[in-house]
Full PDB file with SEQRES, HELIX, SHEET, SSBOND, CRYST1, ORIGX, SCALE, CONECT and MASTER records, all heavy atoms in Angstrom:
SEQRES   1 A   30  ALA ASP ALA PHE VAL ILE THR GLY GLN ASP LYS ASP VAL          
SEQRES   2 A   30  MET GLY MET GLN ASP VAL THR THR LYS SER THR VAL ILE          
SEQRES   3 A   30  ASN ALA LYS GLY                                              
SHEET    1 AA1 2 ALA A   3  ILE A   6  0                                        
SHEET    2 AA1 2 THR A  24  ASN A  27  1                                        
CRYST1    1.000    1.000    1.000  90.00  90.00  90.00 P 1           1          
ORIGX1      1.000000  0.000000  0.000000        0.00000                         
ORIGX2      0.000000  1.000000  0.000000        0.00000                         
ORIGX3      0.000000  0.000000  1.000000        0.00000                         
SCALE1      1.000000  0.000000  0.000000        0.00000                         
SCALE2      0.000000  1.000000  0.000000        0.00000                         
SCALE3      0.000000  0.000000  1.000000        0.00000                         
ATOM      1  N   ALA A   1      -6.201  -4.723  29.493  1.00  0.00           N  
ATOM      2  CA  ALA A   1      -6.946  -5.940  29.194  1.00  0.00           C  
ATOM      3  C   ALA A   1      -6.071  -7.162  29.422  1.00  0.00           C  
ATOM      4  O   ALA A   1      -4.857  -7.071  29.513  1.00  0.00           O  
ATOM      5  CB  ALA A   1      -7.441  -5.906  27.750  1.00  0.00           C  
ATOM      6  N   ASP A   2      -6.744  -8.311  29.492  1.00  0.00           N  
ATOM      7  CA  ASP A   2      -6.035  -9.585  29.618  1.00  0.00           C  
ATOM      8  C   ASP A   2      -5.465 -10.038  28.282  1.00  0.00           C  
ATOM      9  O   ASP A   2      -4.491 -10.768  28.215  1.00  0.00           O  
ATOM     10  CB  ASP A   2      -6.992 -10.663  30.142  1.00  0.00           C  
ATOM     11  CG  ASP A   2      -7.563 -10.296  31.500  1.00  0.00           C  
ATOM     12  OD1 ASP A   2      -6.769 -10.027  32.426  1.00  0.00           O  
ATOM     13  OD2 ASP A   2      -8.804 -10.273  31.644  1.00  0.00           O  
ATOM     14  N   ALA A   3      -6.126  -9.599  27.199  1.00  0.00           N  
ATOM     15  CA  ALA A   3      -5.678  -9.966  25.850  1.00  0.00           C  
ATOM     16  C   ALA A   3      -6.017  -8.831  24.896  1.00  0.00           C  
ATOM     17  O   ALA A   3      -6.976  -8.098  25.097  1.00  0.00           O  
ATOM     18  CB  ALA A   3      -6.357 -11.248  25.391  1.00  0.00           C  
ATOM     19  N   PHE A   4      -5.200  -8.720  23.844  1.00  0.00           N  
ATOM     20  CA  PHE A   4      -5.396  -7.706  22.813  1.00  0.00           C  
ATOM     21  C   PHE A   4      -5.498  -8.433  21.475  1.00  0.00           C  
ATOM     22  O   PHE A   4      -4.684  -9.313  21.191  1.00  0.00           O  
ATOM     23  CB  PHE A   4      -4.217  -6.734  22.767  1.00  0.00           C  
ATOM     24  CG  PHE A   4      -4.057  -5.936  24.036  1.00  0.00           C  
ATOM     25  CD1 PHE A   4      -3.270  -6.390  25.064  1.00  0.00           C  
ATOM     26  CD2 PHE A   4      -4.717  -4.725  24.179  1.00  0.00           C  
ATOM     27  CE1 PHE A   4      -3.117  -5.667  26.238  1.00  0.00           C  
ATOM     28  CE2 PHE A   4      -4.585  -3.980  25.347  1.00  0.00           C  
ATOM     29  CZ  PHE A   4      -3.785  -4.450  26.377  1.00  0.00           C  
ATOM     30  N   VAL A   5      -6.467  -8.041  20.659  1.00  0.00           N  
ATOM     31  CA  VAL A   5      -6.628  -8.623  19.325  1.00  0.00           C  
ATOM     32  C   VAL A   5      -6.434  -7.496  18.324  1.00  0.00           C  
ATOM     33  O   VAL A   5      -7.151  -6.496  18.347  1.00  0.00           O  
ATOM     34  CB  VAL A   5      -8.014  -9.285  19.155  1.00  0.00           C  
ATOM     35  CG1 VAL A   5      -8.112  -9.932  17.776  1.00  0.00           C  
ATOM     36  CG2 VAL A   5      -8.259 -10.334  20.243  1.00  0.00           C  
ATOM     37  N   ILE A   6      -5.451  -7.688  17.446  1.00  0.00           N  
ATOM     38  CA  ILE A   6      -5.092  -6.654  16.471  1.00  0.00           C  
ATOM     39  C   ILE A   6      -5.149  -7.238  15.064  1.00  0.00           C  
ATOM     40  O   ILE A   6      -5.136  -8.459  14.882  1.00  0.00           O  
ATOM     41  CB  ILE A   6      -3.683  -6.096  16.753  1.00  0.00           C  
ATOM     42  CG1 ILE A   6      -2.626  -7.188  16.641  1.00  0.00           C  
ATOM     43  CG2 ILE A   6      -3.636  -5.434  18.129  1.00  0.00           C  
ATOM     44  CD1 ILE A   6      -1.192  -6.697  16.690  1.00  0.00           C  
ATOM     45  N   THR A   7      -5.173  -6.349  14.066  1.00  0.00           N  
ATOM     46  CA  THR A   7      -5.172  -6.800  12.677  1.00  0.00           C  
ATOM     47  C   THR A   7      -3.767  -7.067  12.169  1.00  0.00           C  
ATOM     48  O   THR A   7      -3.588  -7.755  11.192  1.00  0.00           O  
ATOM     49  CB  THR A   7      -5.826  -5.770  11.739  1.00  0.00           C  
ATOM     50  OG1 THR A   7      -5.055  -4.561  11.808  1.00  0.00           O  
ATOM     51  CG2 THR A   7      -7.271  -5.517  12.108  1.00  0.00           C  
ATOM     52  N   GLY A   8      -2.786  -6.467  12.821  1.00  0.00           N  
ATOM     53  CA  GLY A   8      -1.412  -6.620  12.386  1.00  0.00           C  
ATOM     54  C   GLY A   8      -1.034  -5.674  11.256  1.00  0.00           C  
ATOM     55  O   GLY A   8       0.090  -5.668  10.801  1.00  0.00           O  
ATOM     56  N   GLN A   9      -1.996  -4.839  10.817  1.00  0.00           N  
ATOM     57  CA  GLN A   9      -1.708  -3.919   9.718  1.00  0.00           C  
ATOM     58  C   GLN A   9      -0.981  -2.671  10.181  1.00  0.00           C  
ATOM     59  O   GLN A   9      -0.251  -2.073   9.423  1.00  0.00           O  
ATOM     60  CB  GLN A   9      -3.013  -3.524   9.041  1.00  0.00           C  
ATOM     61  CG  GLN A   9      -3.646  -4.699   8.343  1.00  0.00           C  
ATOM     62  CD  GLN A   9      -4.927  -4.298   7.643  1.00  0.00           C  
ATOM     63  OE1 GLN A   9      -5.263  -3.140   7.541  1.00  0.00           O  
ATOM     64  NE2 GLN A   9      -5.632  -5.292   7.164  1.00  0.00           N  
ATOM     65  N   ASP A  10      -1.169  -2.279  11.422  1.00  0.00           N  
ATOM     66  CA  ASP A  10      -0.526  -1.074  11.946  1.00  0.00           C  
ATOM     67  C   ASP A  10       0.423  -1.480  13.057  1.00  0.00           C  
ATOM     68  O   ASP A  10      -0.008  -1.889  14.121  1.00  0.00           O  
ATOM     69  CB  ASP A  10      -1.604  -0.107  12.475  1.00  0.00           C  
ATOM     70  CG  ASP A  10      -1.022   1.211  12.938  1.00  0.00           C  
ATOM     71  OD1 ASP A  10       0.219   1.351  12.988  1.00  0.00           O  
ATOM     72  OD2 ASP A  10      -1.806   2.117  13.252  1.00  0.00           O  
ATOM     73  N   LYS A  11       1.711  -1.364  12.813  1.00  0.00           N  
ATOM     74  CA  LYS A  11       2.697  -1.777  13.820  1.00  0.00           C  
ATOM     75  C   LYS A  11       2.554  -0.994  15.107  1.00  0.00           C  
ATOM     76  O   LYS A  11       2.884  -1.486  16.172  1.00  0.00           O  
ATOM     77  CB  LYS A  11       4.119  -1.576  13.284  1.00  0.00           C  
ATOM     78  CG  LYS A  11       4.486  -2.481  12.156  1.00  0.00           C  
ATOM     79  CD  LYS A  11       5.963  -2.406  11.844  1.00  0.00           C  
ATOM     80  CE  LYS A  11       6.487  -0.997  11.739  1.00  0.00           C  
ATOM     81  NZ  LYS A  11       7.843  -0.903  11.225  1.00  0.00           N  
ATOM     82  N   ASP A  12       2.066   0.225  15.007  1.00  0.00           N  
ATOM     83  CA  ASP A  12       1.981   1.100  16.172  1.00  0.00           C  
ATOM     84  C   ASP A  12       0.514   1.300  16.576  1.00  0.00           C  
ATOM     85  O   ASP A  12       0.082   2.390  16.880  1.00  0.00           O  
ATOM     86  CB  ASP A  12       2.631   2.454  15.858  1.00  0.00           C  
ATOM     87  CG  ASP A  12       2.841   3.297  17.097  1.00  0.00           C  
ATOM     88  OD1 ASP A  12       2.860   2.740  18.211  1.00  0.00           O  
ATOM     89  OD2 ASP A  12       2.976   4.520  16.938  1.00  0.00           O  
ATOM     90  N   VAL A  13      -0.254   0.204  16.608  1.00  0.00           N  
ATOM     91  CA  VAL A  13      -1.687   0.266  16.819  1.00  0.00           C  
ATOM     92  C   VAL A  13      -2.084   0.881  18.153  1.00  0.00           C  
ATOM     93  O   VAL A  13      -3.126   1.493  18.280  1.00  0.00           O  
ATOM     94  CB  VAL A  13      -2.312  -1.139  16.653  1.00  0.00           C  
ATOM     95  CG1 VAL A  13      -1.946  -2.044  17.809  1.00  0.00           C  
ATOM     96  CG2 VAL A  13      -3.826  -1.041  16.531  1.00  0.00           C  
ATOM     97  N   MET A  14      -1.245   0.767  19.165  1.00  0.00           N  
ATOM     98  CA  MET A  14      -1.602   1.278  20.477  1.00  0.00           C  
ATOM     99  C   MET A  14      -1.078   2.696  20.704  1.00  0.00           C  
ATOM    100  O   MET A  14      -1.236   3.238  21.778  1.00  0.00           O  
ATOM    101  CB  MET A  14      -1.111   0.329  21.567  1.00  0.00           C  
ATOM    102  CG  MET A  14      -1.803  -1.023  21.480  1.00  0.00           C  
ATOM    103  SD  MET A  14      -1.201  -2.209  22.669  1.00  0.00           S  
ATOM    104  CE  MET A  14      -1.908  -1.542  24.165  1.00  0.00           C  
ATOM    105  N   GLY A  15      -0.464   3.285  19.698  1.00  0.00           N  
ATOM    106  CA  GLY A  15       0.002   4.649  19.836  1.00  0.00           C  
ATOM    107  C   GLY A  15       1.337   4.765  20.552  1.00  0.00           C  
ATOM    108  O   GLY A  15       1.751   5.838  20.944  1.00  0.00           O  
ATOM    109  N   MET A  16       1.980   3.647  20.738  1.00  0.00           N  
ATOM    110  CA  MET A  16       3.280   3.629  21.415  1.00  0.00           C  
ATOM    111  C   MET A  16       4.203   2.742  20.613  1.00  0.00           C  
ATOM    112  O   MET A  16       3.798   1.669  20.183  1.00  0.00           O  
ATOM    113  CB  MET A  16       3.117   3.066  22.838  1.00  0.00           C  
ATOM    114  CG  MET A  16       2.171   3.875  23.709  1.00  0.00           C  
ATOM    115  SD  MET A  16       1.775   3.007  25.222  1.00  0.00           S  
ATOM    116  CE  MET A  16       0.428   1.974  24.665  1.00  0.00           C  
ATOM    117  N   GLN A  17       5.438   3.145  20.456  1.00  0.00           N  
ATOM    118  CA  GLN A  17       6.344   2.336  19.660  1.00  0.00           C  
ATOM    119  C   GLN A  17       6.914   1.155  20.444  1.00  0.00           C  
ATOM    120  O   GLN A  17       7.099   0.090  19.881  1.00  0.00           O  
ATOM    121  CB  GLN A  17       7.475   3.199  19.125  1.00  0.00           C  
ATOM    122  CG  GLN A  17       6.994   4.170  18.062  1.00  0.00           C  
ATOM    123  CD  GLN A  17       8.143   4.930  17.458  1.00  0.00           C  
ATOM    124  OE1 GLN A  17       9.240   4.980  18.004  1.00  0.00           O  
ATOM    125  NE2 GLN A  17       7.891   5.548  16.325  1.00  0.00           N  
ATOM    126  N   ASP A  18       7.190   1.341  21.694  1.00  0.00           N  
ATOM    127  CA  ASP A  18       7.785   0.276  22.498  1.00  0.00           C  
ATOM    128  C   ASP A  18       6.801  -0.154  23.570  1.00  0.00           C  
ATOM    129  O   ASP A  18       6.816   0.334  24.691  1.00  0.00           O  
ATOM    130  CB  ASP A  18       9.082   0.740  23.162  1.00  0.00           C  
ATOM    131  CG  ASP A  18      10.142   1.087  22.130  1.00  0.00           C  
ATOM    132  OD1 ASP A  18      10.267   0.322  21.155  1.00  0.00           O  
ATOM    133  OD2 ASP A  18      10.836   2.094  22.302  1.00  0.00           O  
ATOM    134  N   VAL A  19       5.941  -1.080  23.209  1.00  0.00           N  
ATOM    135  CA  VAL A  19       4.917  -1.543  24.135  1.00  0.00           C  
ATOM    136  C   VAL A  19       5.396  -2.840  24.784  1.00  0.00           C  
ATOM    137  O   VAL A  19       5.782  -3.775  24.092  1.00  0.00           O  
ATOM    138  CB  VAL A  19       3.575  -1.798  23.405  1.00  0.00           C  
ATOM    139  CG1 VAL A  19       2.560  -2.365  24.366  1.00  0.00           C  
ATOM    140  CG2 VAL A  19       3.084  -0.508  22.785  1.00  0.00           C  
ATOM    141  N   THR A  20       5.355  -2.859  26.088  1.00  0.00           N  
ATOM    142  CA  THR A  20       5.678  -4.073  26.821  1.00  0.00           C  
ATOM    143  C   THR A  20       4.437  -4.442  27.627  1.00  0.00           C  
ATOM    144  O   THR A  20       3.922  -3.624  28.376  1.00  0.00           O  
ATOM    145  CB  THR A  20       6.863  -3.858  27.781  1.00  0.00           C  
ATOM    146  OG1 THR A  20       7.983  -3.423  27.013  1.00  0.00           O  
ATOM    147  CG2 THR A  20       7.221  -5.124  28.507  1.00  0.00           C  
ATOM    148  N   THR A  21       3.975  -5.655  27.440  1.00  0.00           N  
ATOM    149  CA  THR A  21       2.781  -6.094  28.149  1.00  0.00           C  
ATOM    150  C   THR A  21       2.918  -7.559  28.507  1.00  0.00           C  
ATOM    151  O   THR A  21       3.540  -8.320  27.788  1.00  0.00           O  
ATOM    152  CB  THR A  21       1.512  -5.858  27.320  1.00  0.00           C  
ATOM    153  OG1 THR A  21       0.386  -6.285  28.075  1.00  0.00           O  
ATOM    154  CG2 THR A  21       1.529  -6.590  25.993  1.00  0.00           C  
ATOM    155  N   LYS A  22       2.344  -7.915  29.625  1.00  0.00           N  
ATOM    156  CA  LYS A  22       2.275  -9.321  30.012  1.00  0.00           C  
ATOM    157  C   LYS A  22       1.008  -9.957  29.478  1.00  0.00           C  
ATOM    158  O   LYS A  22       0.803 -11.145  29.614  1.00  0.00           O  
ATOM    159  CB  LYS A  22       2.348  -9.447  31.526  1.00  0.00           C  
ATOM    160  CG  LYS A  22       3.683  -9.021  32.093  1.00  0.00           C  
ATOM    161  CD  LYS A  22       3.752  -9.181  33.584  1.00  0.00           C  
ATOM    162  CE  LYS A  22       5.111  -8.723  34.088  1.00  0.00           C  
ATOM    163  NZ  LYS A  22       5.260  -8.868  35.508  1.00  0.00           N  
ATOM    164  N   SER A  23       0.163  -9.150  28.865  1.00  0.00           N  
ATOM    165  CA  SER A  23      -1.084  -9.641  28.290  1.00  0.00           C  
ATOM    166  C   SER A  23      -0.816 -10.360  26.968  1.00  0.00           C  
ATOM    167  O   SER A  23       0.180 -10.109  26.296  1.00  0.00           O  
ATOM    168  CB  SER A  23      -2.050  -8.485  28.053  1.00  0.00           C  
ATOM    169  OG  SER A  23      -2.319  -7.809  29.252  1.00  0.00           O  
ATOM    170  N   THR A  24      -1.738 -11.188  26.590  1.00  0.00           N  
ATOM    171  CA  THR A  24      -1.676 -11.905  25.315  1.00  0.00           C  
ATOM    172  C   THR A  24      -2.014 -10.948  24.188  1.00  0.00           C  
ATOM    173  O   THR A  24      -2.971 -10.191  24.283  1.00  0.00           O  
ATOM    174  CB  THR A  24      -2.678 -13.075  25.328  1.00  0.00           C  
ATOM    175  OG1 THR A  24      -2.320 -13.964  26.385  1.00  0.00           O  
ATOM    176  CG2 THR A  24      -2.684 -13.829  24.036  1.00  0.00           C  
ATOM    177  N   VAL A  25      -1.224 -10.983  23.122  1.00  0.00           N  
ATOM    178  CA  VAL A  25      -1.503 -10.185  21.938  1.00  0.00           C  
ATOM    179  C   VAL A  25      -1.706 -11.158  20.778  1.00  0.00           C  
ATOM    180  O   VAL A  25      -0.829 -11.961  20.465  1.00  0.00           O  
ATOM    181  CB  VAL A  25      -0.363  -9.201  21.611  1.00  0.00           C  
ATOM    182  CG1 VAL A  25      -0.667  -8.422  20.334  1.00  0.00           C  
ATOM    183  CG2 VAL A  25      -0.124  -8.251  22.781  1.00  0.00           C  
ATOM    184  N   ILE A  26      -2.890 -11.092  20.151  1.00  0.00           N  
ATOM    185  CA  ILE A  26      -3.242 -11.987  19.053  1.00  0.00           C  
ATOM    186  C   ILE A  26      -3.318 -11.174  17.769  1.00  0.00           C  
ATOM    187  O   ILE A  26      -4.044 -10.196  17.697  1.00  0.00           O  
ATOM    188  CB  ILE A  26      -4.625 -12.661  19.298  1.00  0.00           C  
ATOM    189  CG1 ILE A  26      -4.675 -13.389  20.632  1.00  0.00           C  
ATOM    190  CG2 ILE A  26      -4.997 -13.560  18.117  1.00  0.00           C  
ATOM    191  CD1 ILE A  26      -3.824 -14.613  20.735  1.00  0.00           C  
ATOM    192  N   ASN A  27      -2.575 -11.586  16.759  1.00  0.00           N  
ATOM    193  CA  ASN A  27      -2.675 -10.989  15.435  1.00  0.00           C  
ATOM    194  C   ASN A  27      -3.757 -11.777  14.689  1.00  0.00           C  
ATOM    195  O   ASN A  27      -3.564 -12.938  14.345  1.00  0.00           O  
ATOM    196  CB  ASN A  27      -1.339 -11.073  14.709  1.00  0.00           C  
ATOM    197  CG  ASN A  27      -1.372 -10.438  13.341  1.00  0.00           C  
ATOM    198  OD1 ASN A  27      -2.424 -10.194  12.769  1.00  0.00           O  
ATOM    199  ND2 ASN A  27      -0.193 -10.169  12.805  1.00  0.00           N  
ATOM    200  N   ALA A  28      -4.902 -11.134  14.448  1.00  0.00           N  
ATOM    201  CA  ALA A  28      -6.063 -11.813  13.870  1.00  0.00           C  
ATOM    202  C   ALA A  28      -6.041 -11.900  12.347  1.00  0.00           C  
ATOM    203  O   ALA A  28      -6.968 -12.440  11.757  1.00  0.00           O  
ATOM    204  CB  ALA A  28      -7.334 -11.109  14.330  1.00  0.00           C  
ATOM    205  N   LYS A  29      -4.975 -11.414  11.733  1.00  0.00           N  
ATOM    206  CA  LYS A  29      -4.918 -11.422  10.272  1.00  0.00           C  
ATOM    207  C   LYS A  29      -5.046 -12.853   9.748  1.00  0.00           C  
ATOM    208  O   LYS A  29      -4.274 -13.738  10.110  1.00  0.00           O  
ATOM    209  CB  LYS A  29      -3.602 -10.807   9.798  1.00  0.00           C  
ATOM    210  CG  LYS A  29      -3.499 -10.703   8.291  1.00  0.00           C  
ATOM    211  CD  LYS A  29      -2.229 -10.025   7.860  1.00  0.00           C  
ATOM    212  CE  LYS A  29      -2.173  -9.934   6.368  1.00  0.00           C  
ATOM    213  NZ  LYS A  29      -0.945  -9.294   5.920  1.00  0.00           N  
ATOM    214  N   GLY A  30      -6.064 -13.078   8.924  1.00  0.00           N  
ATOM    215  CA  GLY A  30      -6.280 -14.385   8.314  1.00  0.00           C  
ATOM    216  C   GLY A  30      -6.961 -15.400   9.207  1.00  0.00           C  
ATOM    217  O   GLY A  30      -7.118 -16.556   8.812  1.00  0.00           O  
TER     218      GLY A  30                                                      
MASTER        0    0    0    0    2    0    0    6  217    1    0    3          
END                                                                             
């Protein structure tokens, strides 16, 4: 995806510990 929106509650939300992406990652918490 071009962007990922996460809750920030699970550090390993994508199932990978070391994720490198050029996509935007937004923590939607709050």
